[in-house]
Protein backbone atom coordinates (compact mmCIF):
# COMPACT_ATOMS: atom_id res chain seq x y z
CA MET A 1 -32.95 -42.32 -75.94
CA ARG A 2 -33.48 -41.32 -72.42
CA SER A 3 -36.77 -41.51 -70.74
CA ARG A 4 -38.42 -38.71 -68.98
CA GLN A 5 -37.85 -40.47 -65.72
CA ASP A 6 -34.09 -40.65 -66.39
CA THR A 7 -34.03 -36.95 -67.26
CA HIS A 8 -35.79 -36.08 -64.04
CA LEU A 9 -33.40 -38.31 -62.10
CA LEU A 10 -30.41 -36.68 -63.75
CA LEU A 11 -31.83 -33.23 -63.00
CA LEU A 12 -32.49 -34.14 -59.37
CA THR A 13 -29.01 -35.59 -59.07
CA LEU A 14 -27.47 -32.39 -60.45
CA LEU A 15 -29.50 -30.28 -58.03
CA ALA A 16 -28.37 -32.43 -55.05
CA VAL A 17 -24.67 -32.01 -55.85
CA PRO A 18 -23.21 -29.10 -53.91
CA VAL A 19 -22.00 -26.34 -56.15
CA ALA A 20 -19.19 -24.04 -55.02
CA SER A 21 -20.46 -20.52 -54.71
CA ALA A 22 -18.62 -17.72 -56.42
CA TRP A 23 -18.61 -15.90 -53.04
CA ALA A 24 -17.12 -18.66 -50.84
CA GLY A 25 -13.87 -17.83 -49.00
CA THR A 26 -12.47 -16.39 -45.77
CA ALA A 27 -11.11 -13.08 -44.59
CA THR A 28 -8.93 -12.47 -41.55
CA ASN A 29 -7.72 -9.50 -39.58
CA SER A 30 -6.49 -8.93 -36.07
CA LEU A 31 -7.87 -7.23 -32.97
CA THR A 32 -5.80 -5.76 -30.17
CA SER A 33 -6.72 -5.52 -26.52
CA GLN A 34 -5.37 -2.78 -24.29
CA THR A 35 -5.70 -1.37 -20.80
CA THR A 36 -3.58 0.83 -18.59
CA VAL A 37 -2.88 -0.21 -15.00
CA THR A 38 -1.97 2.77 -12.86
CA THR A 39 0.23 2.77 -9.81
CA ALA A 40 -1.59 2.93 -6.51
CA CYS A 41 -0.93 2.48 -2.80
CA ASN A 42 -2.99 2.14 0.36
CA VAL A 43 -1.82 2.37 3.96
CA SER A 44 -3.36 1.55 7.32
CA GLY A 45 -1.95 1.36 10.81
CA ASN A 46 -2.55 0.70 14.47
CA THR A 47 -1.89 2.68 17.63
CA LEU A 48 1.68 2.51 18.86
CA ALA A 49 1.12 1.63 22.51
CA PHE A 50 3.97 1.92 24.98
CA GLY A 51 1.99 0.10 27.65
CA SER A 52 -0.87 0.92 29.94
CA ALA A 53 0.74 0.68 33.39
CA ILE A 54 4.17 2.27 33.16
CA ASN A 55 5.99 3.01 36.43
CA PRO A 56 7.50 6.52 36.09
CA ILE A 57 9.70 6.07 39.17
CA SER A 58 12.01 3.59 37.43
CA GLY A 59 13.18 6.30 35.02
CA ALA A 60 14.10 3.66 32.44
CA ALA A 61 13.40 4.13 28.75
CA VAL A 62 10.24 2.50 27.45
CA THR A 63 9.92 1.07 23.95
CA GLY A 64 7.04 -0.03 21.80
CA SER A 65 6.23 -0.76 18.18
CA SER A 66 3.38 -0.72 15.73
CA THR A 67 2.81 -2.07 12.26
CA LEU A 68 1.78 -0.21 9.14
CA THR A 69 0.18 -2.28 6.41
CA ILE A 70 1.05 -1.02 2.96
CA GLU A 71 -0.35 -2.29 -0.32
CA CYS A 72 1.13 -0.94 -3.55
CA THR A 73 0.86 -2.22 -7.09
CA ALA A 74 3.64 -4.61 -8.07
CA THR A 75 7.05 -3.03 -8.81
CA THR A 76 5.90 0.40 -7.59
CA PRO A 77 8.66 2.11 -5.58
CA TYR A 78 7.37 4.01 -2.56
CA THR A 79 8.53 5.87 0.54
CA VAL A 80 6.78 6.21 3.89
CA ALA A 81 7.16 9.48 5.79
CA LEU A 82 5.86 10.35 9.26
CA SER A 83 4.94 13.84 10.40
CA ALA A 84 6.44 15.34 13.55
CA GLY A 85 3.06 15.01 15.26
CA VAL A 86 0.57 17.60 16.48
CA ASN A 87 2.48 18.36 19.72
CA ALA A 88 6.00 18.84 18.31
CA GLY A 89 5.77 22.59 17.87
CA GLY A 90 6.40 22.53 14.13
CA ILE A 91 5.82 20.32 11.10
CA THR A 92 9.53 19.47 10.70
CA ASN A 93 10.43 19.41 14.39
CA PHE A 94 11.02 15.65 14.35
CA LEU A 95 13.49 15.72 17.23
CA ASN A 96 10.88 17.28 19.54
CA ARG A 97 8.00 14.78 19.29
CA LYS A 98 5.74 14.88 22.34
CA MET A 99 2.63 13.18 23.60
CA ALA A 100 0.32 15.41 25.60
CA ASN A 101 -1.96 15.00 28.59
CA GLY A 102 -3.62 18.38 28.88
CA ALA A 103 -0.82 20.86 29.69
CA TYR A 104 1.65 18.04 30.47
CA THR A 105 3.89 16.54 27.80
CA LEU A 106 6.05 13.46 27.47
CA ALA A 107 8.93 13.34 24.96
CA TYR A 108 9.12 10.32 22.66
CA GLN A 109 10.60 9.38 19.33
CA LEU A 110 9.74 7.19 16.32
CA TYR A 111 12.41 5.23 14.48
CA VAL A 112 12.84 3.36 11.21
CA ASP A 113 15.13 0.77 12.85
CA ASN A 114 14.94 -1.38 15.97
CA GLY A 115 18.33 -0.04 17.10
CA TYR A 116 16.66 3.37 17.64
CA THR A 117 19.27 5.24 15.59
CA GLN A 118 17.32 6.52 12.53
CA VAL A 119 14.61 9.05 13.46
CA TRP A 120 11.60 8.53 11.19
CA GLY A 121 10.41 11.71 9.55
CA ASN A 122 9.96 13.05 6.04
CA GLY A 123 13.56 12.80 4.83
CA THR A 124 14.42 16.39 5.78
CA GLY A 125 16.97 15.91 8.56
CA SER A 126 15.39 12.53 9.27
CA SER A 127 14.93 9.13 7.64
CA VAL A 128 12.07 7.64 5.65
CA TYR A 129 11.23 4.03 4.89
CA SER A 130 11.63 2.92 1.27
CA GLY A 131 10.11 -0.13 -0.36
CA THR A 132 8.81 -1.63 -3.56
CA GLY A 133 5.22 -2.78 -3.97
CA SER A 134 4.50 -6.46 -4.38
CA GLY A 135 0.83 -6.18 -5.31
CA GLY A 136 0.00 -7.64 -1.90
CA LEU A 137 0.05 -6.51 1.71
CA GLN A 138 3.42 -5.58 3.20
CA ASN A 139 4.03 -4.93 6.90
CA VAL A 140 6.35 -2.13 7.99
CA THR A 141 7.27 -1.74 11.67
CA ILE A 142 7.48 1.63 13.41
CA TYR A 143 9.70 1.57 16.50
CA GLY A 144 8.95 3.98 19.32
CA ARG A 145 10.93 5.00 22.41
CA ILE A 146 10.23 7.17 25.43
CA PRO A 147 13.72 8.09 26.70
CA SER A 148 12.71 8.77 30.30
CA LEU A 149 9.62 8.93 32.49
CA THR A 150 11.28 10.71 35.43
CA GLY A 151 8.98 13.41 36.78
CA THR A 152 6.07 12.42 34.53
CA VAL A 153 2.62 13.29 35.83
CA PRO A 154 0.25 10.27 35.78
CA GLY A 155 -2.35 10.27 33.01
CA THR A 156 -2.96 9.24 29.43
CA TYR A 157 -0.64 10.86 26.90
CA THR A 158 -1.39 10.95 23.17
CA ASP A 159 -0.11 12.37 19.90
CA THR A 160 -1.31 12.12 16.31
CA VAL A 161 1.23 11.48 13.56
CA THR A 162 0.33 11.58 9.87
CA VAL A 163 1.61 8.74 7.68
CA THR A 164 2.32 9.67 4.05
CA VAL A 165 3.09 7.11 1.36
CA THR A 166 4.62 8.66 -1.75
CA TYR A 167 4.77 6.58 -4.92
């Protein structure tokens, strides 16, 4: 016969033993993550300076260059077009680019290549620059040329050209 103390010990022992619950188990599912990255481009540039003390008597052509900095999302194809400038006499008059100093003008041209053979415009009767974005900064050079300074009136000549990146 068991004693009361043994019964209590047996009961305490049974209570201390972990019992599997009828609700124990696991459930799984999955979760997806999603976002959409759009294509984008930025462009900045500097003044194309042909020099500050050009001798017009020499009559020789003067060249200069400037750099555009373009940043487009990786693998994004893009083109860079340049307007004819505010003094050209028309938005597609790329062959008649001029810098102005009051009523005086000075003919010049912008080129895609350093051989000065491909006039840089908007692709209509002119060339554009094409590239593919890397996700980082890319430098693109604009080449400029003043064919002649003969007869040029001294002064500061300027033009404003719009840069358009299409992507």
